């Protein structure tokens, strides 16, 4: 009969140690899973906002093409101004 009490006592000790330990481990797993879910949700929201901003890139391409055209026009105007300055300087008798 003492063998049965010994086994029963060992079982109780294991149960008293194992159950709280298992509950603590389950709580840690649950917290980690919650944090992963939270960070995944935040990342998804941020990614959606980035995608919304990237949808405007074709408009930026149009703007860039317009700016390149304006830059070319500015260079042409600058060349014309230099030619006009040289012409006026020659007519005024100055050095070109």
Protein backbone atom coordinates (compact mmCIF):
# COMPACT_ATOMS: atom_id res chain seq x y z
CA UNK A 1 0.00 0.00 0.00
CA UNK A 2 2.90 2.31 0.65
CA UNK A 3 3.97 1.98 -2.99
CA UNK A 4 0.60 3.29 -4.09
CA UNK A 5 0.91 6.31 -1.75
CA UNK A 6 4.42 6.96 -3.03
CA UNK A 7 3.27 6.92 -6.66
CA UNK A 8 0.25 9.07 -5.70
CA UNK A 9 2.53 11.58 -3.94
CA UNK A 10 4.92 11.76 -6.89
CA UNK A 11 1.94 12.28 -9.20
CA UNK A 12 0.66 15.13 -7.03
CA UNK A 13 4.07 16.80 -6.93
CA UNK A 14 4.35 16.53 -10.70
CA UNK A 15 0.82 17.87 -11.10
CA UNK A 16 1.47 20.80 -8.74
CA UNK A 17 4.69 21.65 -10.59
CA UNK A 18 3.68 20.80 -14.13
CA UNK A 19 0.25 22.45 -14.28
CA UNK A 20 1.42 25.94 -13.26
CA UNK A 21 4.47 25.57 -15.48
CA UNK A 22 2.29 24.56 -18.44
CA UNK A 23 -0.12 27.42 -17.77
CA UNK A 24 2.78 29.87 -17.58
CA UNK A 25 4.20 28.55 -20.87
CA UNK A 26 0.77 28.77 -22.51
CA UNK A 27 0.42 32.35 -21.29
CA UNK A 28 3.83 33.23 -22.80
CA UNK A 29 2.84 31.61 -26.10
CA UNK A 30 -0.47 33.49 -26.10
CA UNK A 31 1.29 36.82 -25.43
CA UNK A 32 3.83 36.17 -28.18
CA UNK A 33 1.07 35.25 -30.62
CA UNK A 34 -0.85 38.42 -29.68
CA UNK A 35 2.25 40.57 -30.25
CA UNK A 36 2.88 38.92 -33.61
CA UNK A 37 -0.73 39.55 -34.62
CA UNK A 38 -0.51 43.17 -33.46
CA UNK A 39 2.73 43.87 -35.34
CA UNK A 40 1.37 42.10 -38.44
CA UNK A 41 -1.73 44.33 -38.31
CA UNK A 42 0.36 47.50 -37.91
CA UNK A 43 2.68 46.41 -40.73
CA UNK A 44 -0.29 45.70 -42.98
CA UNK A 45 -1.78 49.13 -42.32
CA UNK A 46 1.55 50.82 -43.01
CA UNK A 47 2.02 48.80 -46.19
CA UNK A 48 -1.45 49.79 -47.41
CA UNK A 49 -0.60 53.46 -46.86
CA UNK A 50 2.67 53.07 -48.77
CA UNK A 51 0.81 51.42 -51.64
CA UNK A 52 -1.67 54.30 -51.70
CA UNK A 53 1.20 56.78 -51.96
CA UNK A 54 2.92 54.75 -54.67
CA UNK A 55 -0.22 54.88 -56.81
CA UNK A 56 0.64 58.54 -57.52
CA UNK A 57 3.92 57.66 -59.25
CA UNK A 58 2.47 57.88 -62.80
CA UNK A 59 1.50 61.47 -62.03
CA UNK A 60 5.08 62.09 -60.95
CA UNK A 61 6.31 60.69 -64.26
CA UNK A 62 4.10 63.20 -66.08
CA UNK A 63 5.44 65.98 -63.87
CA UNK A 64 9.02 64.89 -64.49
CA UNK A 65 8.46 64.90 -68.25
CA UNK A 66 7.04 68.41 -68.01
CA UNK A 67 10.01 69.57 -65.96
CA UNK A 68 12.45 68.10 -68.47
CA UNK A 69 10.66 70.01 -71.22
CA UNK A 70 10.82 73.20 -69.16
CA UNK A 71 14.53 72.62 -68.51
CA UNK A 72 15.19 72.23 -72.24
CA UNK A 73 13.20 75.40 -72.92
CA UNK A 74 15.21 77.24 -70.24
CA UNK A 75 18.47 76.16 -71.89
CA UNK A 76 17.20 77.40 -75.25
CA UNK A 77 16.19 80.72 -73.71
CA UNK A 78 19.60 81.05 -72.02
CA UNK A 79 21.34 80.41 -75.35
CA UNK A 80 19.12 83.02 -77.01
CA UNK A 81 19.86 85.55 -74.27
CA UNK A 82 23.60 85.00 -74.70
CA UNK A 83 23.29 85.48 -78.47
CA UNK A 84 21.20 88.63 -77.96
CA UNK A 85 23.72 89.96 -75.43
CA UNK A 86 26.56 89.39 -77.89
CA UNK A 87 24.59 91.06 -80.70
CA UNK A 88 23.72 94.12 -78.59
CA UNK A 89 27.31 94.38 -77.41
CA UNK A 90 28.55 94.37 -81.03
CA UNK A 91 26.00 96.99 -82.06
CA UNK A 92 26.92 99.18 -79.10
CA UNK A 93 30.56 98.93 -80.12
CA UNK A 94 31.60 96.89 -77.11
CA UNK A 95 33.44 93.63 -77.11
CA UNK A 96 31.39 90.48 -77.64
